[in-house]
PDB file of N, CA and C in Angstrom:
ATOM      1  N   UNK A   1       0.835  -1.190   0.000  1.00  0.00           N
ATOM      2  CA  UNK A   1       0.000   0.000   0.000  1.00  0.00           C
ATOM      3  C   UNK A   1       0.878   1.252   0.000  1.00  0.00           C
ATOM      4  N   UNK A   2       0.422   2.252  -0.656  1.00  0.00           N
ATOM      5  CA  UNK A   2       1.192   3.487  -0.673  1.00  0.00           C
ATOM      6  C   UNK A   2       1.184   4.166   0.690  1.00  0.00           C
ATOM      7  N   UNK A   3       2.210   4.962   0.957  1.00  0.00           N
ATOM      8  CA  UNK A   3       2.295   5.676   2.224  1.00  0.00           C
ATOM      9  C   UNK A   3       1.529   6.990   2.176  1.00  0.00           C
ATOM     10  N   UNK A   4       0.935   7.321   1.055  1.00  0.00           N
ATOM     11  CA  UNK A   4       0.147   8.547   0.938  1.00  0.00           C
ATOM     12  C   UNK A   4      -1.096   8.268   0.112  1.00  0.00           C
ATOM     13  N   UNK A   5      -2.023   9.204   0.126  1.00  0.00           N
ATOM     14  CA  UNK A   5      -3.261   9.004  -0.618  1.00  0.00           C
ATOM     15  C   UNK A   5      -3.016   9.140  -2.116  1.00  0.00           C
ATOM     16  N   UNK A   6      -3.977   8.654  -2.883  1.00  0.00           N
ATOM     17  CA  UNK A   6      -3.904   8.798  -4.340  1.00  0.00           C
ATOM     18  C   UNK A   6      -3.838  10.278  -4.705  1.00  0.00           C
ATOM     19  N   UNK A   7      -4.656  11.091  -4.052  1.00  0.00           N
ATOM     20  CA  UNK A   7      -4.671  12.530  -4.341  1.00  0.00           C
ATOM     21  C   UNK A   7      -3.318  13.170  -4.051  1.00  0.00           C
ATOM     22  N   UNK A   8      -2.706  12.804  -2.929  1.00  0.00           N
ATOM     23  CA  UNK A   8      -1.395  13.361  -2.596  1.00  0.00           C
ATOM     24  C   UNK A   8      -0.365  13.007  -3.667  1.00  0.00           C
ATOM     25  N   UNK A   9      -0.400  11.767  -4.127  1.00  0.00           N
ATOM     26  CA  UNK A   9       0.528  11.340  -5.183  1.00  0.00           C
ATOM     27  C   UNK A   9       0.307  12.132  -6.463  1.00  0.00           C
ATOM     28  N   UNK A  10      -0.959  12.328  -6.816  1.00  0.00           N
ATOM     29  CA  UNK A  10      -1.278  13.053  -8.051  1.00  0.00           C
ATOM     30  C   UNK A  10      -0.911  14.528  -7.951  1.00  0.00           C
ATOM     31  N   UNK A  11      -1.095  15.116  -6.778  1.00  0.00           N
ATOM     32  CA  UNK A  11      -0.712  16.518  -6.570  1.00  0.00           C
ATOM     33  C   UNK A  11       0.795  16.675  -6.759  1.00  0.00           C
ATOM     34  N   UNK A  12       1.560  15.750  -6.184  1.00  0.00           N
ATOM     35  CA  UNK A  12       3.020  15.800  -6.336  1.00  0.00           C
ATOM     36  C   UNK A  12       3.432  15.600  -7.795  1.00  0.00           C
ATOM     37  N   UNK A  13       2.745  14.687  -8.472  1.00  0.00           N
ATOM     38  CA  UNK A  13       3.035  14.426  -9.881  1.00  0.00           C
ATOM     39  C   UNK A  13       2.784  15.676 -10.717  1.00  0.00           C
ATOM     40  N   UNK A  14       1.650  16.342 -10.475  1.00  0.00           N
ATOM     41  CA  UNK A  14       1.323  17.554 -11.230  1.00  0.00           C
ATOM     42  C   UNK A  14       2.345  18.655 -10.960  1.00  0.00           C
ATOM     43  N   UNK A  15       2.723  18.808  -9.696  1.00  0.00           N
ATOM     44  CA  UNK A  15       3.718  19.825  -9.347  1.00  0.00           C
ATOM     45  C   UNK A  15       5.049  19.544 -10.047  1.00  0.00           C
ATOM     46  N   UNK A  16       5.421  18.275 -10.114  1.00  0.00           N
ATOM     47  CA  UNK A  16       6.661  17.891 -10.798  1.00  0.00           C
ATOM     48  C   UNK A  16       6.585  18.209 -12.295  1.00  0.00           C
ATOM     49  N   UNK A  17       5.439  17.911 -12.898  1.00  0.00           N
ATOM     50  CA  UNK A  17       5.260  18.216 -14.321  1.00  0.00           C
ATOM     51  C   UNK A  17       5.359  19.715 -14.580  1.00  0.00           C
ATOM     52  N   UNK A  18       4.660  20.498 -13.762  1.00  0.00           N
ATOM     53  CA  UNK A  18       4.655  21.957 -13.956  1.00  0.00           C
ATOM     54  C   UNK A  18       6.040  22.541 -13.706  1.00  0.00           C
ATOM     55  N   UNK A  19       6.736  22.020 -12.686  1.00  0.00           N
ATOM     56  CA  UNK A  19       8.092  22.502 -12.398  1.00  0.00           C
ATOM     57  C   UNK A  19       9.039  22.176 -13.548  1.00  0.00           C
ATOM     58  N   UNK A  20       8.732  21.126 -14.287  1.00  0.00           N
ATOM     59  CA  UNK A  20       9.544  20.745 -15.442  1.00  0.00           C
ATOM     60  C   UNK A  20       9.187  21.498 -16.706  1.00  0.00           C
ATOM     61  N   UNK A  21       8.246  22.430 -16.607  1.00  0.00           N
ATOM     62  CA  UNK A  21       7.898  23.260 -17.753  1.00  0.00           C
ATOM     63  C   UNK A  21       6.762  22.735 -18.610  1.00  0.00           C
ATOM     64  N   UNK A  22       6.083  21.694 -18.153  1.00  0.00           N
ATOM     65  CA  UNK A  22       4.950  21.146 -18.913  1.00  0.00           C
ATOM     66  C   UNK A  22       3.787  22.132 -18.854  1.00  0.00           C
ATOM     67  N   UNK A  23       3.163  22.371 -19.995  1.00  0.00           N
ATOM     68  CA  UNK A  23       2.011  23.265 -20.117  1.00  0.00           C
ATOM     69  C   UNK A  23       0.889  22.845 -19.164  1.00  0.00           C
ATOM     70  N   UNK A  24       0.163  23.829 -18.647  1.00  0.00           N
ATOM     71  CA  UNK A  24      -0.937  23.620 -17.695  1.00  0.00           C
ATOM     72  C   UNK A  24      -1.946  22.584 -18.192  1.00  0.00           C
ATOM     73  N   UNK A  25      -2.433  22.743 -19.412  1.00  0.00           N
ATOM     74  CA  UNK A  25      -3.449  21.827 -19.945  1.00  0.00           C
ATOM     75  C   UNK A  25      -2.896  20.415 -20.152  1.00  0.00           C
ATOM     76  N   UNK A  26      -1.666  20.326 -20.641  1.00  0.00           N
ATOM     77  CA  UNK A  26      -1.059  19.009 -20.833  1.00  0.00           C
ATOM     78  C   UNK A  26      -0.818  18.328 -19.482  1.00  0.00           C
ATOM     79  N   UNK A  27      -0.375  19.098 -18.491  1.00  0.00           N
ATOM     80  CA  UNK A  27      -0.170  18.540 -17.148  1.00  0.00           C
ATOM     81  C   UNK A  27      -1.484  17.988 -16.600  1.00  0.00           C
ATOM     82  N   UNK A  28      -2.569  18.739 -16.781  1.00  0.00           N
ATOM     83  CA  UNK A  28      -3.882  18.264 -16.322  1.00  0.00           C
ATOM     84  C   UNK A  28      -4.278  16.966 -17.021  1.00  0.00           C
ATOM     85  N   UNK A  29      -4.040  16.893 -18.327  1.00  0.00           N
ATOM     86  CA  UNK A  29      -4.365  15.672 -19.079  1.00  0.00           C
ATOM     87  C   UNK A  29      -3.540  14.484 -18.588  1.00  0.00           C
ATOM     88  N   UNK A  30      -2.256  14.714 -18.360  1.00  0.00           N
ATOM     89  CA  UNK A  30      -1.380  13.637 -17.891  1.00  0.00           C
ATOM     90  C   UNK A  30      -1.777  13.158 -16.495  1.00  0.00           C
ATOM     91  N   UNK A  31      -2.137  14.099 -15.624  1.00  0.00           N
ATOM     92  CA  UNK A  31      -2.564  13.736 -14.264  1.00  0.00           C
ATOM     93  C   UNK A  31      -3.876  12.961 -14.319  1.00  0.00           C
ATOM     94  N   UNK A  32      -4.800  13.391 -15.158  1.00  0.00           N
ATOM     95  CA  UNK A  32      -6.077  12.672 -15.298  1.00  0.00           C
ATOM     96  C   UNK A  32      -5.839  11.240 -15.767  1.00  0.00           C
ATOM     97  N   UNK A  33      -4.978  11.080 -16.772  1.00  0.00           N
ATOM     98  CA  UNK A  33      -4.676   9.739 -17.273  1.00  0.00           C
ATOM     99  C   UNK A  33      -3.969   8.894 -16.213  1.00  0.00           C
ATOM    100  N   UNK A  34      -3.065   9.515 -15.473  1.00  0.00           N
ATOM    101  CA  UNK A  34      -2.365   8.796 -14.401  1.00  0.00           C
ATOM    102  C   UNK A  34      -3.346   8.373 -13.311  1.00  0.00           C
ATOM    103  N   UNK A  35      -4.295   9.241 -12.990  1.00  0.00           N
ATOM    104  CA  UNK A  35      -5.292   8.914 -11.964  1.00  0.00           C
ATOM    105  C   UNK A  35      -6.094   7.685 -12.369  1.00  0.00           C
ATOM    106  N   UNK A  36      -6.509   7.641 -13.613  1.00  0.00           N
ATOM    107  CA  UNK A  36      -7.266   6.478 -14.099  1.00  0.00           C
ATOM    108  C   UNK A  36      -6.434   5.205 -13.991  1.00  0.00           C
ATOM    109  N   UNK A  37      -5.182   5.281 -14.393  1.00  0.00           N
ATOM    110  CA  UNK A  37      -4.310   4.101 -14.357  1.00  0.00           C
ATOM    111  C   UNK A  37      -4.033   3.656 -12.921  1.00  0.00           C
ATOM    112  N   UNK A  38      -3.760   4.603 -12.039  1.00  0.00           N
ATOM    113  CA  UNK A  38      -3.480   4.261 -10.639  1.00  0.00           C
ATOM    114  C   UNK A  38      -4.683   3.589  -9.993  1.00  0.00           C
ATOM    115  N   UNK A  39      -5.861   4.176 -10.171  1.00  0.00           N
ATOM    116  CA  UNK A  39      -7.068   3.612  -9.561  1.00  0.00           C
ATOM    117  C   UNK A  39      -7.384   2.245 -10.161  1.00  0.00           C
ATOM    118  N   UNK A  40      -7.200   2.091 -11.463  1.00  0.00           N
ATOM    119  CA  UNK A  40      -7.470   0.800 -12.107  1.00  0.00           C
ATOM    120  C   UNK A  40      -6.502  -0.282 -11.637  1.00  0.00           C
ATOM    121  N   UNK A  41      -5.236   0.074 -11.453  1.00  0.00           N
ATOM    122  CA  UNK A  41      -4.212  -0.911 -11.086  1.00  0.00           C
ATOM    123  C   UNK A  41      -4.079  -1.141  -9.584  1.00  0.00           C
ATOM    124  N   UNK A  42      -4.165  -0.067  -8.805  1.00  0.00           N
ATOM    125  CA  UNK A  42      -3.880  -0.153  -7.368  1.00  0.00           C
ATOM    126  C   UNK A  42      -5.088   0.118  -6.485  1.00  0.00           C
ATOM    127  N   UNK A  43      -6.165   0.629  -7.077  1.00  0.00           N
ATOM    128  CA  UNK A  43      -7.317   1.035  -6.276  1.00  0.00           C
ATOM    129  C   UNK A  43      -7.116   2.448  -5.749  1.00  0.00           C
ATOM    130  N   UNK A  44      -8.153   2.971  -5.130  1.00  0.00           N
ATOM    131  CA  UNK A  44      -8.131   4.330  -4.597  1.00  0.00           C
ATOM    132  C   UNK A  44      -7.708   4.288  -3.140  1.00  0.00           C
ATOM    133  N   UNK A  45      -6.685   5.025  -2.796  1.00  0.00           N
ATOM    134  CA  UNK A  45      -6.221   5.108  -1.413  1.00  0.00           C
ATOM    135  C   UNK A  45      -6.647   6.467  -0.869  1.00  0.00           C
ATOM    136  N   UNK A  46      -7.569   6.452   0.100  1.00  0.00           N
ATOM    137  CA  UNK A  46      -8.089   7.708   0.623  1.00  0.00           C
ATOM    138  C   UNK A  46      -7.453   8.139   1.926  1.00  0.00           C
ATOM    139  N   UNK A  47      -6.724   7.239   2.589  1.00  0.00           N
ATOM    140  CA  UNK A  47      -6.043   7.598   3.831  1.00  0.00           C
ATOM    141  C   UNK A  47      -4.641   7.017   3.807  1.00  0.00           C
ATOM    142  N   UNK A  48      -3.664   7.811   4.264  1.00  0.00           N
ATOM    143  CA  UNK A  48      -2.318   7.257   4.330  1.00  0.00           C
ATOM    144  C   UNK A  48      -2.220   6.185   5.412  1.00  0.00           C
ATOM    145  N   UNK A  49      -1.192   5.364   5.331  1.00  0.00           N
ATOM    146  CA  UNK A  49      -0.970   4.354   6.353  1.00  0.00           C
ATOM    147  C   UNK A  49      -0.742   5.028   7.699  1.00  0.00           C
ATOM    148  N   UNK A  50      -1.214   4.406   8.776  1.00  0.00           N
ATOM    149  CA  UNK A  50      -1.003   5.006  10.100  1.00  0.00           C
ATOM    150  C   UNK A  50       0.488   5.091  10.418  1.00  0.00           C
ATOM    151  N   UNK A  51       0.868   6.181  11.028  1.00  0.00           N
ATOM    152  CA  UNK A  51       2.267   6.357  11.400  1.00  0.00           C
ATOM    153  C   UNK A  51       2.437   6.401  12.906  1.00  0.00           C
ATOM    154  N   UNK A  52       1.346   6.252  13.631  1.00  0.00           N
ATOM    155  CA  UNK A  52       1.395   6.316  15.086  1.00  0.00           C
ATOM    156  C   UNK A  52       2.144   5.115  15.648  1.00  0.00           C
ATOM    157  N   UNK A  53       2.959   5.371  16.659  1.00  0.00           N
ATOM    158  CA  UNK A  53       3.667   4.285  17.339  1.00  0.00           C
ATOM    159  C   UNK A  53       3.118   4.078  18.743  1.00  0.00           C
ATOM    160  N   UNK A  54       1.979   4.694  19.046  1.00  0.00           N
ATOM    161  CA  UNK A  54       1.359   4.551  20.363  1.00  0.00           C
ATOM    162  C   UNK A  54       0.822   3.132  20.492  1.00  0.00           C
ATOM    163  N   UNK A  55       1.161   2.486  21.591  1.00  0.00           N
ATOM    164  CA  UNK A  55       0.721   1.116  21.817  1.00  0.00           C
ATOM    165  C   UNK A  55      -0.424   1.108  22.822  1.00  0.00           C
ATOM    166  N   UNK A  56      -1.505   0.407  22.491  1.00  0.00           N
ATOM    167  CA  UNK A  56      -2.655   0.310  23.383  1.00  0.00           C
ATOM    168  C   UNK A  56      -2.319  -0.643  24.518  1.00  0.00           C
ATOM    169  N   UNK A  57      -2.528  -0.195  25.761  1.00  0.00           N
ATOM    170  CA  UNK A  57      -2.225  -1.036  26.917  1.00  0.00           C
ATOM    171  C   UNK A  57      -3.478  -1.522  27.620  1.00  0.00           C
ATOM    172  N   UNK A  58      -4.633  -1.142  27.139  1.00  0.00           N
ATOM    173  CA  UNK A  58      -5.885  -1.585  27.755  1.00  0.00           C
ATOM    174  C   UNK A  58      -6.345  -0.618  28.829  1.00  0.00           C
ATOM    175  N   UNK A  59      -7.505  -0.912  29.418  1.00  0.00           N
ATOM    176  CA  UNK A  59      -8.038  -0.015  30.445  1.00  0.00           C
ATOM    177  C   UNK A  59      -7.158  -0.042  31.692  1.00  0.00           C
ATOM    178  N   UNK A  60      -7.112   1.080  32.397  1.00  0.00           N
ATOM    179  CA  UNK A  60      -6.277   1.148  33.593  1.00  0.00           C
ATOM    180  C   UNK A  60      -6.955   0.491  34.793  1.00  0.00           C
ATOM    181  N   UNK A  61      -8.267   0.430  34.792  1.00  0.00           N
ATOM    182  CA  UNK A  61      -8.997  -0.205  35.885  1.00  0.00           C
ATOM    183  C   UNK A  61      -9.982  -1.208  35.315  1.00  0.00           C
ATOM    184  N   UNK A  62     -10.093  -2.363  35.968  1.00  0.00           N
ATOM    185  CA  UNK A  62     -11.049  -3.383  35.556  1.00  0.00           C
ATOM    186  C   UNK A  62     -12.139  -3.432  36.616  1.00  0.00           C
ATOM    187  N   UNK A  63     -13.413  -3.292  36.218  1.00  0.00           N
ATOM    188  CA  UNK A  63     -14.500  -3.328  37.198  1.00  0.00           C
ATOM    189  C   UNK A  63     -14.487  -4.639  37.982  1.00  0.00           C
ATOM    190  N   UNK A  64     -14.920  -4.574  39.238  1.00  0.00           N
ATOM    191  CA  UNK A  64     -14.958  -5.753  40.113  1.00  0.00           C
ATOM    192  C   UNK A  64     -15.800  -6.855  39.492  1.00  0.00           C
ATOM    193  N   UNK A  65     -15.304  -8.068  39.523  1.00  0.00           N
ATOM    194  CA  UNK A  65     -16.035  -9.206  38.993  1.00  0.00           C
ATOM    195  C   UNK A  65     -15.696  -9.536  37.554  1.00  0.00           C
ATOM    196  N   UNK A  66     -15.135  -8.614  36.839  1.00  0.00           N
ATOM    197  CA  UNK A  66     -14.794  -8.866  35.444  1.00  0.00           C
ATOM    198  C   UNK A  66     -13.579  -9.781  35.398  1.00  0.00           C
ATOM    199  N   UNK A  67     -13.713 -10.883  34.683  1.00  0.00           N
ATOM    200  CA  UNK A  67     -12.615 -11.828  34.546  1.00  0.00           C
ATOM    201  C   UNK A  67     -12.530 -12.851  35.666  1.00  0.00           C
ATOM    202  N   UNK A  68     -13.410 -12.744  36.672  1.00  0.00           N
ATOM    203  CA  UNK A  68     -13.406 -13.711  37.770  1.00  0.00           C
ATOM    204  C   UNK A  68     -14.320 -14.872  37.438  1.00  0.00           C
ATOM    205  N   UNK A  69     -13.890 -16.072  37.781  1.00  0.00           N
ATOM    206  CA  UNK A  69     -14.680 -17.270  37.529  1.00  0.00           C
ATOM    207  C   UNK A  69     -15.591 -17.551  38.713  1.00  0.00           C
ATOM    208  N   UNK A  70     -16.829 -17.944  38.451  1.00  0.00           N
ATOM    209  CA  UNK A  70     -17.793 -18.294  39.498  1.00  0.00           C
ATOM    210  C   UNK A  70     -18.067 -19.794  39.444  1.00  0.00           C
ATOM    211  N   UNK A  71     -17.034 -20.601  39.209  1.00  0.00           N
ATOM    212  CA  UNK A  71     -17.198 -22.054  39.115  1.00  0.00           C
ATOM    213  C   UNK A  71     -17.588 -22.633  40.475  1.00  0.00           C
ATOM    214  N   UNK A  72     -18.439 -23.674  40.464  1.00  0.00           N
ATOM    215  CA  UNK A  72     -18.790 -24.305  41.746  1.00  0.00           C
ATOM    216  C   UNK A  72     -17.569 -24.999  42.353  1.00  0.00           C
ATOM    217  N   UNK A  73     -17.471 -24.960  43.679  1.00  0.00           N
ATOM    218  CA  UNK A  73     -16.318 -25.553  44.368  1.00  0.00           C
ATOM    219  C   UNK A  73     -16.466 -27.033  44.567  1.00  0.00           C
TER     220      UNK A  73
END
């Protein structure tokens, strides 16, 4: 999976084309064609991969009786 959204990739691609001197209309056409190819081949990525390193440790307090067995003696 990509580390960024499809839109982010396309924005960077367009900026690269324009910075290279590609005409506005041609850049738009190339980005549109690239968008179709990316979505057809890789699917649409709407959210980047999570980058959080926070680890879930669970609740700090467990209510009384939770997890206790009531087996007959």
